Amino acid sequence: MYCFFRIRFMKTCFHSFLSACLCLSALPSLMLVGCRTIDGEGDGFSFDQSAFSKADTDGNGKLTDHELALYQHREALAEFDLDNDTHISAAEWAAARPSEGEQDENFNKLDKNGDGKISEQEGALFITEHVSFSDTFKKFDENGDFHLHWEEIDEGSPAELNVTLFSVHPDS
């Protein structure tokens, strides 16, 4: 008799565990039901509330220019960082910009510390210093607090903020 109840109890526990796992696996998609995706105008760039949260590294609900630039740089790394070391080497730079050649001086301008690779910080610095990015960031920052809130991005055209190392010429 004891064995029967023990098996039944274990079976009930297993079914409860399985139900809980199924509920938890559906939770992320349920949480994002209200999220909107904003697509860039055919350039492959999109920015939704999930991306906003990922970019908000300090979790304060707003983005600094550095947080947004770092997010954009990291997203571009997925395509151009061939060895996945979070840096852009001269060879990776040349592969991404074959028309520029192996000895592209723009690479050297972006490699501020001269270590032969462009780090995340160097990439983010380039983006924040780029005129089109900084002007657009200021335009989106309606309340002038030097941060972008989701509502400010949602009201604008996020594709205007899409600046990466490979989307513009470092001299521009």
C-alpha atoms as a PDB file:
ATOM      1  CA  MET A   1       0.000   0.000   0.000  1.00  0.00           C
ATOM      2  CA  TYR A   2       2.808   2.404   0.926  1.00  0.00           C
ATOM      3  CA  CYS A   3       4.465   1.789  -2.434  1.00  0.00           C
ATOM      4  CA  PHE A   4       1.224   2.579  -4.315  1.00  0.00           C
ATOM      5  CA  PHE A   5       0.836   5.965  -2.613  1.00  0.00           C
ATOM      6  CA  ARG A   6       4.500   6.770  -3.096  1.00  0.00           C
ATOM      7  CA  ILE A   7       4.290   6.071  -6.848  1.00  0.00           C
ATOM      8  CA  ARG A   8       1.084   8.105  -7.108  1.00  0.00           C
ATOM      9  CA  PHE A   9       2.695  10.986  -5.197  1.00  0.00           C
ATOM     10  CA  MET A  10       5.764  10.896  -7.430  1.00  0.00           C
ATOM     11  CA  LYS A  11       3.566  10.826 -10.529  1.00  0.00           C
ATOM     12  CA  THR A  12       1.607  13.841  -9.272  1.00  0.00           C
ATOM     13  CA  CYS A  13       4.834  15.708  -8.510  1.00  0.00           C
ATOM     14  CA  PHE A  14       6.186  14.928 -11.969  1.00  0.00           C
ATOM     15  CA  HIS A  15       3.011  16.230 -13.653  1.00  0.00           C
ATOM     16  CA  SER A  16       3.147  19.395 -11.541  1.00  0.00           C
ATOM     17  CA  PHE A  17       6.794  19.880 -12.451  1.00  0.00           C
ATOM     18  CA  LEU A  18       6.039  19.346 -16.145  1.00  0.00           C
ATOM     19  CA  SER A  19       3.161  21.847 -16.035  1.00  0.00           C
ATOM     20  CA  ALA A  20       5.362  24.415 -14.325  1.00  0.00           C
ATOM     21  CA  CYS A  21       8.066  23.967 -16.985  1.00  0.00           C
ATOM     22  CA  LEU A  22       5.564  24.459 -19.781  1.00  0.00           C
ATOM     23  CA  CYS A  23       4.209  27.612 -18.159  1.00  0.00           C
ATOM     24  CA  LEU A  24       7.691  29.026 -17.606  1.00  0.00           C
ATOM     25  CA  SER A  25       8.734  28.311 -21.201  1.00  0.00           C
ATOM     26  CA  ALA A  26       5.777  30.355 -22.459  1.00  0.00           C
ATOM     27  CA  LEU A  27       6.443  33.254 -20.060  1.00  0.00           C
ATOM     28  CA  PRO A  28       8.984  35.200 -22.191  1.00  0.00           C
ATOM     29  CA  SER A  29       6.695  35.270 -25.197  1.00  0.00           C
ATOM     30  CA  LEU A  30       3.759  36.343 -23.030  1.00  0.00           C
ATOM     31  CA  MET A  31       5.827  39.148 -21.530  1.00  0.00           C
ATOM     32  CA  LEU A  32       6.663  40.514 -24.988  1.00  0.00           C
ATOM     33  CA  VAL A  33       3.100  40.438 -26.351  1.00  0.00           C
ATOM     34  CA  GLY A  34       2.782  44.200 -25.839  1.00  0.00           C
ATOM     35  CA  CYS A  35       6.209  45.025 -27.268  1.00  0.00           C
ATOM     36  CA  ARG A  36       6.382  46.846 -30.539  1.00  0.00           C
ATOM     37  CA  THR A  37       9.134  46.433 -33.076  1.00  0.00           C
ATOM     38  CA  ILE A  38      10.228  49.462 -34.998  1.00  0.00           C
ATOM     39  CA  ASP A  39      11.812  48.612 -38.299  1.00  0.00           C
ATOM     40  CA  GLY A  40      14.312  50.788 -40.040  1.00  0.00           C
ATOM     41  CA  GLU A  41      13.390  51.739 -43.556  1.00  0.00           C
ATOM     42  CA  GLY A  42      14.570  48.583 -45.307  1.00  0.00           C
ATOM     43  CA  ASP A  43      18.079  48.682 -43.835  1.00  0.00           C
ATOM     44  CA  GLY A  44      17.661  45.639 -41.609  1.00  0.00           C
ATOM     45  CA  PHE A  45      17.744  47.757 -38.448  1.00  0.00           C
ATOM     46  CA  SER A  46      14.939  47.282 -35.960  1.00  0.00           C
ATOM     47  CA  PHE A  47      14.614  48.439 -32.413  1.00  0.00           C
ATOM     48  CA  ASP A  48      11.904  47.215 -30.069  1.00  0.00           C
ATOM     49  CA  GLN A  49      11.323  47.312 -26.333  1.00  0.00           C
ATOM     50  CA  SER A  50      13.308  44.115 -25.898  1.00  0.00           C
ATOM     51  CA  ALA A  51      16.303  45.667 -27.684  1.00  0.00           C
ATOM     52  CA  PHE A  52      15.827  48.812 -25.587  1.00  0.00           C
ATOM     53  CA  SER A  53      16.038  46.721 -22.405  1.00  0.00           C
ATOM     54  CA  LYS A  54      19.135  44.935 -23.684  1.00  0.00           C
ATOM     55  CA  ALA A  55      20.797  48.260 -24.507  1.00  0.00           C
ATOM     56  CA  ASP A  56      19.906  49.696 -21.084  1.00  0.00           C
ATOM     57  CA  THR A  57      22.922  48.174 -19.342  1.00  0.00           C
ATOM     58  CA  ASP A  58      22.354  49.937 -16.021  1.00  0.00           C
ATOM     59  CA  GLY A  59      18.628  49.072 -16.000  1.00  0.00           C
ATOM     60  CA  ASN A  60      17.406  52.582 -15.231  1.00  0.00           C
ATOM     61  CA  GLY A  61      14.803  52.681 -18.019  1.00  0.00           C
ATOM     62  CA  LYS A  62      16.637  55.189 -20.188  1.00  0.00           C
ATOM     63  CA  LEU A  63      19.567  55.104 -22.596  1.00  0.00           C
ATOM     64  CA  THR A  64      22.631  57.290 -22.655  1.00  0.00           C
ATOM     65  CA  ASP A  65      24.316  57.885 -25.981  1.00  0.00           C
ATOM     66  CA  HIS A  66      27.096  55.523 -24.856  1.00  0.00           C
ATOM     67  CA  GLU A  67      24.674  52.694 -23.981  1.00  0.00           C
ATOM     68  CA  LEU A  68      22.945  52.983 -27.347  1.00  0.00           C
ATOM     69  CA  ALA A  69      26.243  53.191 -29.242  1.00  0.00           C
ATOM     70  CA  LEU A  70      27.633  50.175 -27.389  1.00  0.00           C
ATOM     71  CA  TYR A  71      24.478  48.206 -28.195  1.00  0.00           C
ATOM     72  CA  GLN A  72      24.738  49.113 -31.880  1.00  0.00           C
ATOM     73  CA  HIS A  73      28.414  48.208 -31.978  1.00  0.00           C
ATOM     74  CA  ARG A  74      27.741  44.837 -30.330  1.00  0.00           C
ATOM     75  CA  GLU A  75      24.956  44.115 -32.816  1.00  0.00           C
ATOM     76  CA  ALA A  76      27.318  44.888 -35.711  1.00  0.00           C
ATOM     77  CA  LEU A  77      29.978  42.640 -34.176  1.00  0.00           C
ATOM     78  CA  ALA A  78      27.713  39.667 -34.740  1.00  0.00           C
ATOM     79  CA  GLU A  79      28.186  40.118 -38.464  1.00  0.00           C
ATOM     80  CA  PHE A  80      31.765  41.407 -38.728  1.00  0.00           C
ATOM     81  CA  ASP A  81      33.663  39.877 -35.787  1.00  0.00           C
ATOM     82  CA  LEU A  82      34.647  36.660 -37.552  1.00  0.00           C
ATOM     83  CA  ASP A  83      36.582  35.157 -34.617  1.00  0.00           C
ATOM     84  CA  ASN A  84      34.053  36.283 -31.961  1.00  0.00           C
ATOM     85  CA  ASP A  85      36.635  37.984 -29.740  1.00  0.00           C
ATOM     86  CA  THR A  86      34.532  41.223 -29.377  1.00  0.00           C
ATOM     87  CA  HIS A  87      37.169  43.191 -31.323  1.00  0.00           C
ATOM     88  CA  ILE A  88      37.535  44.121 -34.975  1.00  0.00           C
ATOM     89  CA  SER A  89      40.965  43.179 -36.247  1.00  0.00           C
ATOM     90  CA  ALA A  90      42.600  44.690 -39.328  1.00  0.00           C
ATOM     91  CA  ALA A  91      41.764  41.509 -41.284  1.00  0.00           C
ATOM     92  CA  GLU A  92      38.097  41.658 -40.215  1.00  0.00           C
ATOM     93  CA  TRP A  93      38.009  45.353 -41.125  1.00  0.00           C
ATOM     94  CA  ALA A  94      39.445  44.579 -44.568  1.00  0.00           C
ATOM     95  CA  ALA A  95      36.909  41.765 -45.063  1.00  0.00           C
ATOM     96  CA  ALA A  96      34.049  44.137 -44.225  1.00  0.00           C
ATOM     97  CA  ARG A  97      35.439  46.918 -46.455  1.00  0.00           C
ATOM     98  CA  PRO A  98      37.198  45.128 -49.337  1.00  0.00           C
ATOM     99  CA  SER A  99      37.270  48.245 -51.521  1.00  0.00           C
ATOM    100  CA  GLU A 100      39.428  50.041 -48.943  1.00  0.00           C
ATOM    101  CA  GLY A 101      42.271  47.525 -49.047  1.00  0.00           C
ATOM    102  CA  GLU A 102      44.350  45.930 -46.300  1.00  0.00           C
ATOM    103  CA  GLN A 103      46.141  49.160 -45.257  1.00  0.00           C
ATOM    104  CA  ASP A 104      43.034  51.295 -44.686  1.00  0.00           C
ATOM    105  CA  GLU A 105      44.042  54.410 -42.712  1.00  0.00           C
ATOM    106  CA  ASN A 106      40.509  54.672 -41.335  1.00  0.00           C
ATOM    107  CA  PHE A 107      41.150  51.526 -39.310  1.00  0.00           C
ATOM    108  CA  ASN A 108      44.128  53.243 -37.680  1.00  0.00           C
ATOM    109  CA  LYS A 109      42.009  56.296 -36.850  1.00  0.00           C
ATOM    110  CA  LEU A 110      39.451  54.109 -35.081  1.00  0.00           C
ATOM    111  CA  ASP A 111      42.095  52.047 -33.276  1.00  0.00           C
ATOM    112  CA  LYS A 112      42.781  54.834 -30.776  1.00  0.00           C
ATOM    113  CA  ASN A 113      45.252  52.904 -28.625  1.00  0.00           C
ATOM    114  CA  GLY A 114      47.125  51.376 -31.580  1.00  0.00           C
ATOM    115  CA  ASP A 115      46.819  47.763 -30.428  1.00  0.00           C
ATOM    116  CA  GLY A 116      45.819  46.505 -33.869  1.00  0.00           C
ATOM    117  CA  LYS A 117      42.131  46.036 -33.118  1.00  0.00           C
ATOM    118  CA  ILE A 118      39.046  48.124 -32.537  1.00  0.00           C
ATOM    119  CA  SER A 119      37.570  47.401 -29.103  1.00  0.00           C
ATOM    120  CA  GLU A 120      33.955  47.813 -28.046  1.00  0.00           C
ATOM    121  CA  GLN A 121      34.834  51.065 -26.305  1.00  0.00           C
ATOM    122  CA  GLU A 122      36.652  52.434 -29.368  1.00  0.00           C
ATOM    123  CA  GLY A 123      33.686  51.445 -31.556  1.00  0.00           C
ATOM    124  CA  ALA A 124      31.175  53.061 -29.194  1.00  0.00           C
ATOM    125  CA  LEU A 125      33.322  56.208 -29.003  1.00  0.00           C
ATOM    126  CA  PHE A 126      33.338  56.514 -32.799  1.00  0.00           C
ATOM    127  CA  ILE A 127      29.560  56.143 -32.920  1.00  0.00           C
ATOM    128  CA  THR A 128      28.862  58.720 -30.178  1.00  0.00           C
ATOM    129  CA  GLU A 129      31.242  61.209 -31.794  1.00  0.00           C
ATOM    130  CA  HIS A 130      29.684  60.797 -35.234  1.00  0.00           C
ATOM    131  CA  VAL A 131      27.731  63.912 -36.226  1.00  0.00           C
ATOM    132  CA  SER A 132      24.655  62.113 -37.586  1.00  0.00           C
ATOM    133  CA  PHE A 133      24.315  59.999 -34.431  1.00  0.00           C
ATOM    134  CA  SER A 134      24.835  62.836 -31.947  1.00  0.00           C
ATOM    135  CA  ASP A 135      22.503  65.199 -33.818  1.00  0.00           C
ATOM    136  CA  THR A 136      19.787  62.564 -34.043  1.00  0.00           C
ATOM    137  CA  PHE A 137      20.233  61.610 -30.384  1.00  0.00           C
ATOM    138  CA  LYS A 138      19.720  65.265 -29.407  1.00  0.00           C
ATOM    139  CA  LYS A 139      16.690  65.531 -31.682  1.00  0.00           C
ATOM    140  CA  PHE A 140      15.085  62.446 -30.104  1.00  0.00           C
ATOM    141  CA  ASP A 141      15.873  63.650 -26.568  1.00  0.00           C
ATOM    142  CA  GLU A 142      12.732  65.789 -26.335  1.00  0.00           C
ATOM    143  CA  ASN A 143      13.056  66.618 -22.639  1.00  0.00           C
ATOM    144  CA  GLY A 144      16.771  67.440 -22.868  1.00  0.00           C
ATOM    145  CA  ASP A 145      17.886  65.093 -20.075  1.00  0.00           C
ATOM    146  CA  PHE A 146      20.684  63.547 -22.206  1.00  0.00           C
ATOM    147  CA  HIS A 147      18.901  60.172 -22.098  1.00  0.00           C
ATOM    148  CA  LEU A 148      16.471  58.491 -24.450  1.00  0.00           C
ATOM    149  CA  HIS A 149      13.340  56.999 -22.967  1.00  0.00           C
ATOM    150  CA  TRP A 150      11.424  54.331 -24.900  1.00  0.00           C
ATOM    151  CA  GLU A 151       8.648  56.807 -25.693  1.00  0.00           C
ATOM    152  CA  GLU A 152      11.139  59.211 -27.282  1.00  0.00           C
ATOM    153  CA  ILE A 153      12.514  56.477 -29.526  1.00  0.00           C
ATOM    154  CA  ASP A 154       9.043  55.122 -30.294  1.00  0.00           C
ATOM    155  CA  GLU A 155       7.870  58.544 -31.502  1.00  0.00           C
ATOM    156  CA  GLY A 156      10.838  59.032 -33.829  1.00  0.00           C
ATOM    157  CA  SER A 157      12.461  57.004 -36.575  1.00  0.00           C
ATOM    158  CA  PRO A 158      15.038  54.769 -34.864  1.00  0.00           C
ATOM    159  CA  ALA A 159      16.722  54.014 -38.182  1.00  0.00           C
ATOM    160  CA  GLU A 160      18.171  57.538 -37.985  1.00  0.00           C
ATOM    161  CA  LEU A 161      20.149  56.402 -34.918  1.00  0.00           C
ATOM    162  CA  ASN A 162      21.613  53.399 -36.731  1.00  0.00           C
ATOM    163  CA  VAL A 163      25.292  54.293 -37.019  1.00  0.00           C
ATOM    164  CA  THR A 164      27.943  51.573 -36.950  1.00  0.00           C
ATOM    165  CA  LEU A 165      31.621  51.433 -37.838  1.00  0.00           C
ATOM    166  CA  PHE A 166      30.691  49.980 -41.196  1.00  0.00           C
ATOM    167  CA  SER A 167      27.725  52.194 -42.107  1.00  0.00           C
ATOM    168  CA  VAL A 168      29.674  55.441 -42.411  1.00  0.00           C
ATOM    169  CA  HIS A 169      33.151  56.535 -43.424  1.00  0.00           C
ATOM    170  CA  PRO A 170      35.274  57.467 -40.366  1.00  0.00           C
ATOM    171  CA  ASP A 171      36.249  60.747 -42.050  1.00  0.00           C
ATOM    172  CA  SER A 172      32.621  61.871 -42.443  1.00  0.00           C
END
